[in-house]
Amino acid sequence: MSTVVLDKVTKVYPGGYLAVDRLSLRAEDGEFLVLLGPSGCGKSTLLRMIAGLEEVTDGDLWLDGELANHLAPRATATSRWCSRTARYIRTARCAGNMAFPLEIAKADPALVKERVTELSKALHIDETLDRRPGTLSGGQRQRVAMGRAIVRQPKIFLMDEPLSNLDAGMRTELRMEISSLVRSLGVTTIYVTHDQVEALTLADRIAIMNRGVLQDVGTPGQIYNDPATAFVAAFLSSQQLNLLAATVRTPQNQYVLLDFGPHQLVIPWSDPRAYAISQHTGGQIIVGIRPDGLAPVQESYEGPSFYGRVRALEYHGHEWLAYVECGVPAVAVPEPPDPRQNAHGNEGGGGGLRAMVRRMFGSEPDEHAQQEQVGHNLRDGHHRRADLIVRLGVRPAWRTGDAAKIGVDVTRLMLFKLDGSRIDPPRR
């Protein structure tokens, strides 16, 4: 059994820079867990702590039920593979590079040769074993790197953006090989990336980080369809997420109305989200919808819809995207206060979002204060252009300048408070 447990782990570098803030996470035996987030969010630092390459400032790291805060890298039974393959032994041939971890462990030479031969065939690099890394293509070098990580048969694989230096075609090919090979071995794997496609295609579960803080954890389907925050919804979108400001109303308590100014959407009381939304009556919320939750409809369509004019069309090969001006207030992705700005002021070297909010406001702000802040941001122009992005498919139904009626799939609306958290709790 190979599990990784992080219990309120914090990493503060000299000078007070807070890289990871009180993060708790568990990777189960044999699980493929992907750490996803923007560059600089702390995901590689977290991986290095698991590998024993960085000291844990606070909290506990457990590997296979053993406290591993102070274990040396060699004692962690992990194998790390990153995108920087140039640190291999340049004078050694590929076979020697793959065999190196076993040779320094003084393994039997016959066993070393057997494992290298088997792995090179599985990775389709058996014809390159007598060549030096400098003569190989990027994809071949990454396969050698993967073989070197796997050959020692570690209990845990740690992969730090291993495909980031490859072209798109090679990334796709090697991504499939990683998935099939790692799952056939059944080894617990923690994989760091900032690429949403890699995360969705590889992961059993995805953990999304931002500014050193864990934002959400779940299966790819859960994270994509039922995100915990507006940041997660926006980050895990191939096209830009539509984030719109709306005021909640309940006319004569007949239904819940989302008022966007020139447009309104009705949420019936039969909708399971209706009660949670109604708790914000008279206040503003943020409504998110992906471009594929919107579609062109005929003028006679009587369902939920927006009106607008097509400002621009974008051709993406397999589909068209339309940018439609609708006069709807479009807001930027809500960002929590950055706990890194004052690591020493956090409780226990961390403290997270709530501690930062207390420092900024003197106490935890109420909903009215948050609404006032977002309203101020909207009035001062801190929002995106008021366009709706609509996915059109392979044949556009509109041309630039056309009047457009847009059907809205109300079941696919994502509803967030002004701080970016979900109004209706995500299902996990």
Protein backbone atom coordinates (compact mmCIF):
# COMPACT_ATOMS: atom_id res chain seq x y z
CA MET A 1 0.00 0.00 0.00
CA SER A 2 1.46 3.37 -1.09
CA THR A 3 -0.45 6.40 0.11
CA VAL A 4 0.58 10.05 0.41
CA VAL A 5 -1.08 12.18 3.08
CA LEU A 6 -0.50 15.91 3.48
CA ASP A 7 -1.94 17.26 6.74
CA LYS A 8 -2.05 21.09 6.89
CA VAL A 9 1.32 21.31 5.16
CA THR A 10 2.89 24.78 4.92
CA LYS A 11 6.06 25.88 3.18
CA VAL A 12 7.63 29.27 3.97
CA TYR A 13 10.93 30.17 2.32
CA PRO A 14 13.58 32.37 3.94
CA GLY A 15 12.44 35.97 3.76
CA GLY A 16 8.85 35.04 4.54
CA TYR A 17 7.63 33.92 1.08
CA LEU A 18 4.65 31.61 1.63
CA ALA A 19 4.66 28.98 -1.14
CA VAL A 20 2.10 26.50 0.25
CA ASP A 21 -0.55 27.45 2.81
CA ARG A 22 -1.93 24.81 5.22
CA LEU A 23 -2.73 22.30 2.45
CA SER A 24 -4.39 18.98 3.25
CA LEU A 25 -4.60 16.29 0.57
CA ARG A 26 -4.52 12.50 0.25
CA ALA A 27 -3.36 10.34 -2.68
CA GLU A 28 -4.70 6.82 -2.41
CA ASP A 29 -2.81 3.62 -3.23
CA GLY A 30 -2.47 3.27 -7.01
CA GLU A 31 -4.21 6.59 -7.69
CA PHE A 32 -3.20 8.97 -10.48
CA LEU A 33 -3.55 12.38 -8.79
CA VAL A 34 -2.92 15.51 -10.85
CA LEU A 35 -1.89 18.82 -9.23
CA LEU A 36 -3.21 21.54 -11.51
CA GLY A 37 -2.83 25.30 -11.32
CA PRO A 38 -1.25 28.38 -12.88
CA SER A 39 2.50 28.87 -12.89
CA GLY A 40 3.82 29.84 -9.46
CA CYS A 41 0.85 28.47 -7.50
CA GLY A 42 3.03 26.14 -5.38
CA LYS A 43 2.35 22.78 -7.04
CA SER A 44 6.02 22.01 -7.84
CA THR A 45 7.04 23.06 -4.33
CA LEU A 46 4.49 20.61 -2.96
CA LEU A 47 5.92 17.84 -5.14
CA ARG A 48 9.45 18.63 -3.98
CA MET A 49 8.34 18.37 -0.33
CA ILE A 50 6.91 14.92 -1.02
CA ALA A 51 10.19 13.93 -2.70
CA GLY A 52 12.19 15.13 0.31
CA LEU A 53 13.89 17.89 -1.70
CA GLU A 54 12.23 20.69 0.29
CA GLU A 55 11.74 20.89 4.05
CA VAL A 56 8.18 21.04 5.38
CA THR A 57 7.86 24.24 7.41
CA ASP A 58 4.70 23.21 9.26
CA GLY A 59 2.21 20.35 9.15
CA ASP A 60 2.80 16.64 8.53
CA LEU A 61 3.74 14.57 5.48
CA TRP A 62 2.96 10.84 5.66
CA LEU A 63 4.22 8.24 3.17
CA ASP A 64 2.81 4.73 3.60
CA GLY A 65 1.71 5.59 7.11
CA GLU A 66 5.19 6.81 8.12
CA LEU A 67 5.89 10.41 9.08
CA ALA A 68 8.22 11.63 6.34
CA ASN A 69 8.84 15.29 7.20
CA HIS A 70 12.57 14.75 7.65
CA LEU A 71 13.27 11.76 5.37
CA ALA A 72 16.10 12.18 2.87
CA PRO A 73 15.13 11.86 -0.83
CA ARG A 74 16.70 8.40 -1.13
CA ALA A 75 14.63 7.14 1.82
CA THR A 76 11.23 8.26 0.48
CA ALA A 77 10.81 5.39 -2.06
CA THR A 78 9.73 7.95 -4.64
CA SER A 79 10.90 8.50 -8.20
CA ARG A 80 10.75 11.99 -9.69
CA TRP A 81 10.54 12.81 -13.38
CA CYS A 82 10.49 16.40 -14.62
CA SER A 83 10.71 18.23 -17.92
CA ARG A 84 14.41 19.01 -17.55
CA THR A 85 16.14 15.91 -18.91
CA ALA A 86 19.51 17.60 -19.65
CA ARG A 87 20.92 16.60 -16.26
CA TYR A 88 21.37 13.03 -17.42
CA ILE A 89 24.84 11.58 -17.85
CA ARG A 90 25.73 12.99 -21.26
CA THR A 91 28.67 10.65 -21.76
CA ALA A 92 26.55 7.56 -21.11
CA ARG A 93 24.35 5.90 -23.67
CA CYS A 94 20.59 5.60 -23.18
CA ALA A 95 20.92 2.15 -21.64
CA GLY A 96 23.37 3.51 -19.08
CA ASN A 97 21.13 6.43 -18.23
CA MET A 98 18.15 4.14 -17.67
CA ALA A 99 20.23 1.71 -15.61
CA PHE A 100 21.85 4.38 -13.41
CA PRO A 101 19.35 4.27 -10.47
CA LEU A 102 19.79 0.50 -10.19
CA GLU A 103 23.56 0.65 -10.54
CA ILE A 104 24.00 3.11 -7.69
CA ALA A 105 21.75 0.83 -5.61
CA LYS A 106 24.23 -2.01 -6.42
CA ALA A 107 21.55 -4.18 -8.05
CA ASP A 108 22.53 -7.45 -9.74
CA PRO A 109 23.82 -6.64 -13.28
CA ALA A 110 21.66 -9.36 -14.81
CA LEU A 111 18.55 -7.84 -13.21
CA VAL A 112 19.59 -4.38 -14.41
CA LYS A 113 19.95 -5.56 -18.00
CA GLU A 114 16.63 -7.41 -17.88
CA ARG A 115 14.66 -4.43 -16.56
CA VAL A 116 16.24 -1.97 -19.00
CA THR A 117 15.50 -4.27 -21.94
CA GLU A 118 11.86 -4.82 -20.91
CA LEU A 119 11.23 -1.14 -20.27
CA SER A 120 12.85 0.02 -23.49
CA LYS A 121 10.52 -2.26 -25.47
CA ALA A 122 7.45 -1.01 -23.56
CA LEU A 123 8.51 2.60 -24.24
CA HIS A 124 9.43 1.93 -27.90
CA ILE A 125 13.03 3.05 -27.46
CA ASP A 126 14.78 -0.35 -27.65
CA GLU A 127 16.51 0.73 -30.89
CA THR A 128 18.04 3.80 -29.18
CA LEU A 129 19.75 2.08 -26.23
CA ASP A 130 23.20 2.41 -27.80
CA ARG A 131 22.76 6.10 -28.62
CA ARG A 132 23.61 9.08 -26.43
CA PRO A 133 20.80 11.41 -25.24
CA GLY A 134 22.13 14.31 -27.29
CA THR A 135 21.38 12.44 -30.53
CA LEU A 136 17.73 11.76 -29.64
CA SER A 137 14.58 13.71 -30.38
CA GLY A 138 12.69 15.42 -27.54
CA GLY A 139 10.13 12.63 -27.39
CA GLN A 140 12.81 9.93 -27.26
CA ARG A 141 14.66 11.76 -24.47
CA GLN A 142 11.45 11.96 -22.47
CA ARG A 143 10.90 8.23 -22.93
CA VAL A 144 14.41 7.62 -21.62
CA ALA A 145 13.60 9.88 -18.68
CA MET A 146 10.43 7.92 -18.01
CA GLY A 147 12.34 4.64 -18.17
CA ARG A 148 14.92 5.96 -15.72
CA ALA A 149 12.13 6.93 -13.28
CA ILE A 150 10.32 3.59 -13.59
CA VAL A 151 13.25 1.17 -13.67
CA ARG A 152 13.83 1.24 -9.91
CA GLN A 153 10.17 0.27 -9.36
CA PRO A 154 9.39 2.98 -6.79
CA LYS A 155 6.28 2.99 -4.64
CA ILE A 156 5.37 6.52 -5.76
CA PHE A 157 5.92 8.37 -9.05
CA LEU A 158 6.34 12.15 -8.87
CA MET A 159 6.06 13.82 -12.29
CA ASP A 160 6.74 17.55 -12.61
CA GLU A 161 5.42 18.82 -15.97
CA PRO A 162 7.27 16.08 -17.91
CA LEU A 163 5.70 17.01 -21.27
CA SER A 164 6.05 20.80 -21.17
CA ASN A 165 9.02 20.91 -23.59
CA LEU A 166 7.37 18.83 -26.33
CA ASP A 167 5.32 19.87 -29.34
CA ALA A 168 1.55 19.28 -29.33
CA GLY A 169 1.60 16.04 -31.33
CA MET A 170 4.34 14.47 -29.21
CA ARG A 171 2.58 15.55 -26.00
CA THR A 172 -0.57 13.72 -27.08
CA GLU A 173 1.32 10.56 -28.01
CA LEU A 174 3.42 10.43 -24.85
CA ARG A 175 0.45 11.37 -22.66
CA MET A 176 -1.35 8.21 -23.76
CA GLU A 177 1.76 6.12 -23.11
CA ILE A 178 2.16 7.56 -19.61
CA SER A 179 -1.46 6.80 -18.78
CA SER A 180 -1.39 3.20 -19.98
CA LEU A 181 2.04 2.35 -18.54
CA VAL A 182 1.52 3.91 -15.10
CA ARG A 183 -1.89 2.26 -14.72
CA SER A 184 -0.51 -1.12 -15.77
CA LEU A 185 2.12 -0.79 -13.02
CA GLY A 186 -0.48 0.29 -10.43
CA VAL A 187 1.94 2.78 -8.85
CA THR A 188 0.63 5.80 -6.92
CA THR A 189 1.36 8.81 -9.12
CA ILE A 190 1.31 12.55 -8.41
CA TYR A 191 1.55 14.56 -11.62
CA VAL A 192 2.08 18.34 -11.78
CA THR A 193 0.84 20.34 -14.76
CA HIS A 194 -0.70 23.67 -15.74
CA ASP A 195 -2.34 22.09 -18.81
CA GLN A 196 -6.07 21.45 -18.38
CA VAL A 197 -6.17 18.81 -21.14
CA GLU A 198 -3.42 16.76 -19.48
CA ALA A 199 -5.27 16.94 -16.17
CA LEU A 200 -8.65 15.90 -17.59
CA THR A 201 -7.28 13.03 -19.68
CA LEU A 202 -4.78 11.58 -17.20
CA ALA A 203 -6.23 12.01 -13.71
CA ASP A 204 -8.25 9.77 -11.47
CA ARG A 205 -8.64 12.92 -9.37
CA ILE A 206 -7.56 16.53 -9.84
CA ALA A 207 -6.41 18.89 -7.08
CA ILE A 208 -6.46 22.54 -8.18
CA MET A 209 -4.20 25.09 -6.46
CA ASN A 210 -4.00 28.88 -6.59
CA ARG A 211 -1.60 31.11 -4.63
CA GLY A 212 -0.45 28.19 -2.51
CA VAL A 213 -4.01 27.29 -1.45
CA LEU A 214 -5.96 24.17 -2.40
CA GLN A 215 -9.10 25.26 -4.25
CA ASP A 216 -10.89 22.00 -5.11
CA VAL A 217 -10.39 18.22 -5.29
CA GLY A 218 -12.44 15.71 -7.23
CA THR A 219 -12.69 13.50 -10.29
CA PRO A 220 -12.31 15.22 -13.67
CA GLY A 221 -16.09 15.08 -14.15
CA GLN A 222 -16.77 16.56 -10.73
CA ILE A 223 -14.25 19.36 -11.11
CA TYR A 224 -15.41 20.31 -14.62
CA ASN A 225 -19.17 20.03 -14.19
CA ASP A 226 -19.49 20.92 -10.51
CA PRO A 227 -16.58 23.26 -9.58
CA ALA A 228 -16.26 24.54 -6.02
CA THR A 229 -15.20 28.08 -6.96
CA ALA A 230 -15.37 30.51 -9.86
CA PHE A 231 -11.57 30.28 -10.18
CA VAL A 232 -11.77 26.50 -10.68
CA ALA A 233 -14.58 26.84 -13.24
CA ALA A 234 -12.66 29.47 -15.20
CA PHE A 235 -9.29 27.72 -15.05
CA LEU A 236 -10.70 24.39 -16.23
CA SER A 237 -12.23 25.84 -19.40
CA SER A 238 -10.82 25.40 -22.89
CA GLN A 239 -12.61 28.60 -23.90
CA GLN A 240 -13.03 31.64 -21.67
CA LEU A 241 -15.81 31.17 -19.14
CA ASN A 242 -18.69 33.65 -19.26
CA LEU A 243 -18.89 35.25 -15.79
CA LEU A 244 -21.82 37.65 -15.43
CA ALA A 245 -23.06 39.86 -12.60
CA ALA A 246 -26.74 39.36 -11.72
CA THR A 247 -29.12 40.65 -9.07
CA VAL A 248 -31.38 38.07 -7.41
CA ARG A 249 -35.11 38.83 -7.17
CA THR A 250 -38.14 36.77 -6.10
CA PRO A 251 -41.19 38.51 -7.66
CA GLN A 252 -44.17 37.82 -5.35
CA ASN A 253 -42.32 34.66 -4.33
CA GLN A 254 -43.46 32.97 -7.57
CA TYR A 255 -39.97 32.09 -8.83
CA VAL A 256 -36.35 33.19 -8.59
CA LEU A 257 -35.30 35.81 -11.12
CA LEU A 258 -31.72 36.48 -12.17
CA ASP A 259 -31.69 40.10 -13.32
CA PHE A 260 -28.83 40.99 -15.67
CA GLY A 261 -30.16 44.46 -16.47
CA PRO A 262 -31.38 44.23 -20.07
CA HIS A 263 -32.03 40.48 -19.68
CA GLN A 264 -33.59 38.19 -17.07
CA LEU A 265 -33.53 34.46 -16.50
CA VAL A 266 -36.15 32.60 -14.47
CA ILE A 267 -35.20 29.80 -12.06
CA PRO A 268 -38.35 27.85 -11.06
CA TRP A 269 -38.82 26.77 -7.45
CA SER A 270 -38.63 23.17 -8.69
CA ASP A 271 -34.93 23.74 -9.45
CA PRO A 272 -32.91 22.24 -6.55
CA ARG A 273 -30.71 25.36 -6.49
CA ALA A 274 -33.61 27.80 -6.17
CA TYR A 275 -33.73 27.99 -2.36
CA ALA A 276 -29.98 28.60 -2.05
CA ILE A 277 -30.16 31.35 -4.68
CA SER A 278 -33.16 32.98 -2.99
CA GLN A 279 -31.06 33.56 0.15
CA HIS A 280 -29.33 36.31 -1.86
CA THR A 281 -32.55 38.16 -2.78
CA GLY A 282 -31.82 41.83 -3.38
CA GLY A 283 -28.08 41.21 -3.66
CA GLN A 284 -25.64 40.48 -6.44
CA ILE A 285 -24.21 37.10 -7.37
CA ILE A 286 -21.91 35.87 -10.12
CA VAL A 287 -23.34 33.57 -12.79
CA GLY A 288 -20.99 31.39 -14.81
CA ILE A 289 -21.80 29.56 -18.02
CA ARG A 290 -19.50 27.89 -20.52
CA PRO A 291 -19.74 28.78 -24.23
CA ASP A 292 -21.26 25.35 -24.99
CA GLY A 293 -24.11 26.12 -22.56
CA LEU A 294 -25.27 28.79 -25.01
CA ALA A 295 -26.60 28.26 -28.53
CA PRO A 296 -28.15 30.22 -31.42
CA VAL A 297 -31.96 29.96 -31.46
CA GLN A 298 -34.75 31.17 -33.74
CA GLU A 299 -36.62 34.39 -33.01
CA SER A 300 -39.69 32.31 -32.18
CA TYR A 301 -37.86 30.48 -29.37
CA GLU A 302 -39.66 31.10 -26.06
CA GLY A 303 -37.18 29.57 -23.62
CA PRO A 304 -34.49 31.32 -21.52
CA SER A 305 -32.47 33.57 -23.81
CA PHE A 306 -30.36 36.67 -24.32
CA TYR A 307 -30.43 39.15 -27.20
CA GLY A 308 -27.40 40.81 -28.72
CA ARG A 309 -25.34 41.61 -31.80
CA VAL A 310 -22.41 39.57 -33.09
CA ARG A 311 -19.22 41.58 -32.65
CA ALA A 312 -16.73 38.99 -33.91
CA LEU A 313 -16.35 35.39 -35.03
CA GLU A 314 -13.32 33.17 -34.39
CA TYR A 315 -12.49 30.07 -36.43
CA HIS A 316 -10.84 27.27 -34.43
CA GLY A 317 -10.78 24.58 -37.10
CA HIS A 318 -13.18 22.17 -35.42
CA GLU A 319 -15.59 24.91 -34.35
CA TRP A 320 -16.49 28.60 -34.45
CA LEU A 321 -16.83 30.93 -31.46
CA ALA A 322 -19.01 34.01 -31.52
CA TYR A 323 -18.52 37.12 -29.38
CA VAL A 324 -21.94 38.69 -28.87
CA GLU A 325 -22.52 42.12 -27.31
CA CYS A 326 -25.50 41.79 -24.96
CA GLY A 327 -25.02 44.65 -22.51
CA VAL A 328 -24.62 42.19 -19.64
CA PRO A 329 -22.10 43.14 -16.90
CA ALA A 330 -19.20 40.69 -17.27
CA VAL A 331 -16.91 40.37 -14.24
CA ALA A 332 -13.36 39.09 -13.85
CA VAL A 333 -12.60 35.87 -12.00
CA PRO A 334 -12.77 36.62 -8.23
CA GLU A 335 -9.36 36.19 -6.63
CA PRO A 336 -9.01 35.53 -2.89
CA PRO A 337 -6.60 37.71 -0.89
CA ASP A 338 -3.07 36.47 -1.47
CA PRO A 339 -1.81 34.79 1.75
CA ARG A 340 1.74 35.16 0.45
CA GLN A 341 1.74 38.91 0.99
CA ASN A 342 2.33 38.47 4.72
CA ALA A 343 3.26 34.92 5.65
CA HIS A 344 4.51 35.95 9.11
CA GLY A 345 1.11 37.37 9.99
CA ASN A 346 -0.70 34.11 9.35
CA GLU A 347 -1.49 31.72 12.15
CA GLY A 348 1.03 28.92 12.26
CA GLY A 349 2.91 30.33 9.23
CA GLY A 350 -0.28 29.92 7.17
CA GLY A 351 -3.82 30.83 8.09
CA GLY A 352 -5.26 30.93 4.60
CA LEU A 353 -8.03 33.06 3.19
CA ARG A 354 -10.04 33.67 6.36
CA ALA A 355 -7.01 34.99 8.26
CA MET A 356 -6.22 37.34 5.38
CA VAL A 357 -9.83 38.57 5.29
CA ARG A 358 -9.70 39.28 9.03
CA ARG A 359 -6.53 41.32 8.56
CA MET A 360 -7.97 43.26 5.64
CA PHE A 361 -11.39 44.04 7.12
CA GLY A 362 -10.77 43.75 10.87
CA SER A 363 -13.31 40.89 10.91
CA GLU A 364 -14.87 38.52 8.45
CA PRO A 365 -16.93 40.77 6.10
CA ASP A 366 -20.62 40.16 5.75
CA GLU A 367 -22.39 39.56 2.45
CA HIS A 368 -23.49 43.20 2.20
CA ALA A 369 -19.89 44.44 2.43
CA GLN A 370 -18.83 42.03 -0.31
CA GLN A 371 -21.69 43.17 -2.54
CA GLU A 372 -20.68 46.79 -2.05
CA GLN A 373 -17.10 45.95 -3.04
CA VAL A 374 -18.12 44.13 -6.22
CA GLY A 375 -20.57 46.91 -7.09
CA HIS A 376 -17.74 49.40 -6.66
CA ASN A 377 -15.53 47.31 -8.97
CA LEU A 378 -18.27 47.19 -11.62
CA ARG A 379 -18.86 50.95 -11.47
CA ASP A 380 -15.14 51.63 -11.74
CA GLY A 381 -14.83 49.43 -14.85
CA HIS A 382 -12.95 46.49 -13.30
CA HIS A 383 -14.67 44.00 -15.58
CA ARG A 384 -14.29 42.42 -18.98
CA ARG A 385 -15.93 43.67 -22.15
CA ALA A 386 -19.65 42.87 -22.09
CA ASP A 387 -19.47 40.00 -24.58
CA LEU A 388 -21.03 36.57 -24.38
CA ILE A 389 -18.86 33.84 -25.89
CA VAL A 390 -21.03 31.31 -27.72
CA ARG A 391 -19.89 28.00 -29.19
CA LEU A 392 -21.32 27.57 -32.72
CA GLY A 393 -20.00 24.25 -33.99
CA VAL A 394 -18.45 23.66 -37.42
CA ARG A 395 -20.86 25.95 -39.31
CA PRO A 396 -21.57 29.40 -37.90
CA ALA A 397 -25.24 30.35 -37.71
CA TRP A 398 -24.37 34.07 -37.67
CA ARG A 399 -22.18 36.56 -39.45
CA THR A 400 -20.40 39.52 -37.91
CA GLY A 401 -22.92 42.31 -37.27
CA ASP A 402 -25.97 40.03 -37.18
CA ALA A 403 -28.64 40.40 -34.52
CA ALA A 404 -28.50 37.29 -32.37
CA LYS A 405 -30.84 35.46 -30.05
CA ILE A 406 -28.99 33.12 -27.68
CA GLY A 407 -30.65 30.19 -25.95
CA VAL A 408 -29.45 29.55 -22.40
CA ASP A 409 -29.30 26.08 -20.83
CA VAL A 410 -30.34 27.12 -17.31
CA THR A 411 -29.38 23.71 -15.88
CA ARG A 412 -25.76 24.48 -16.74
CA LEU A 413 -25.57 27.81 -14.93
CA MET A 414 -22.91 27.89 -12.21
CA LEU A 415 -23.82 30.19 -9.34
CA PHE A 416 -21.21 31.85 -7.14
CA LYS A 417 -21.10 34.29 -4.25
CA LEU A 418 -19.14 37.47 -4.71
CA ASP A 419 -16.04 35.93 -3.13
CA GLY A 420 -16.07 33.22 -5.84
CA SER A 421 -17.37 30.35 -3.69
CA ARG A 422 -20.36 28.30 -4.79
CA ILE A 423 -23.89 29.26 -3.70
CA ASP A 424 -25.08 25.65 -3.91
CA PRO A 425 -22.43 23.32 -2.41
CA PRO A 426 -20.69 21.10 -4.96
CA ARG A 427 -21.38 17.39 -4.77
CA ARG A 428 -18.34 15.28 -3.92
